Protein backbone atom coordinates (compact mmCIF):
# COMPACT_ATOMS: atom_id res chain seq x y z
CA UNK A 1 91.99 56.73 201.12
CA UNK A 2 91.25 60.34 201.58
CA UNK A 3 89.43 61.89 199.09
CA UNK A 4 89.87 65.94 198.26
CA UNK A 5 86.56 65.95 197.08
CA UNK A 6 82.65 64.93 198.54
CA UNK A 7 80.73 63.10 196.42
CA UNK A 8 78.30 65.63 195.82
CA UNK A 9 81.42 67.70 194.32
CA UNK A 10 82.71 65.05 192.10
CA UNK A 11 79.47 64.35 190.83
CA UNK A 12 79.36 68.16 189.98
CA UNK A 13 82.61 68.07 188.45
CA UNK A 14 81.19 64.85 186.09
CA UNK A 15 78.60 67.04 185.62
CA UNK A 16 80.22 69.99 183.78
CA UNK A 17 82.93 68.68 182.31
CA UNK A 18 79.42 67.42 180.18
CA UNK A 19 78.39 69.98 176.99
CA UNK A 20 74.72 69.57 178.52
CA UNK A 21 75.57 68.94 181.92
CA UNK A 22 73.56 66.26 181.78
CA UNK A 23 75.02 62.20 182.94
CA UNK A 24 73.20 58.57 184.40
CA UNK A 25 74.25 57.90 187.36
CA UNK A 26 75.91 54.82 185.49
CA UNK A 27 78.92 57.00 183.71
CA UNK A 28 78.58 59.45 186.58
CA UNK A 29 79.64 56.41 189.15
CA UNK A 30 82.57 55.42 186.12
CA UNK A 31 84.09 58.50 185.44
CA UNK A 32 83.97 59.14 189.39
CA UNK A 33 86.25 56.30 189.63
CA UNK A 34 88.61 56.39 186.72
CA UNK A 35 89.45 60.38 187.49
CA UNK A 36 89.97 58.52 190.85
CA UNK A 37 87.58 62.38 192.59
CA UNK A 38 86.31 60.26 195.47
CA UNK A 39 86.10 56.87 197.49
CA UNK A 40 83.72 55.31 199.66
CA UNK A 41 85.36 55.24 203.72
CA UNK A 42 86.09 50.90 202.54
CA UNK A 43 88.15 52.35 199.18
CA UNK A 44 85.46 50.97 196.42
CA UNK A 45 84.47 53.36 193.97
CA UNK A 46 81.04 55.20 194.61
CA UNK A 47 78.43 52.35 193.24
CA UNK A 48 75.45 54.11 190.73
CA UNK A 49 73.11 53.38 193.42
CA UNK A 50 74.73 55.94 195.67
CA UNK A 51 74.39 58.95 192.93
CA UNK A 52 71.12 58.17 192.50
CA UNK A 53 71.08 58.45 196.61
CA UNK A 54 72.61 62.02 197.44
CA UNK A 55 70.72 63.91 193.49
CA UNK A 56 67.12 62.45 193.97
CA UNK A 57 65.07 65.07 195.96
CA UNK A 58 62.70 61.83 197.39
CA UNK A 59 65.63 60.58 199.55
CA UNK A 60 67.04 61.68 202.61
CA UNK A 61 70.13 62.82 201.39
CA UNK A 62 69.34 64.69 197.83
CA UNK A 63 66.84 67.02 199.38
CA UNK A 64 70.21 68.82 200.87
CA UNK A 65 71.20 68.50 197.27
CA UNK A 66 68.21 69.00 195.29
CA UNK A 67 69.36 73.16 194.52
CA UNK A 68 72.64 71.70 192.69
CA UNK A 69 71.30 68.89 190.83
CA UNK A 70 68.17 67.54 188.27
CA UNK A 71 66.90 64.43 189.13
CA UNK A 72 65.34 63.22 185.67
CA UNK A 73 64.28 59.75 185.86
CA UNK A 74 64.97 56.88 185.19
CA UNK A 75 68.45 57.21 185.72
CA UNK A 76 69.91 60.63 184.17
CA UNK A 77 71.34 64.16 186.49
CA UNK A 78 71.30 67.35 185.20
CA UNK A 79 73.81 69.93 187.89
CA UNK A 80 71.84 72.87 188.28
């Protein structure tokens, strides 16, 4: 399955649709799946843990996107 968006783009789309541009990693994962915005290479949905890894500034991947996302412990993400 080919994705039109990367995972960080899909996360941003979800957060842009929120009035406060904030959502939990569970909400983001669920909405990405419902809207079919992104799937892993194996065809599975992006689980909440993958959202956390992509947005948390203490992870290798999250450091790359720290300019886009603010991670609010324990499980919220805000679009900057």
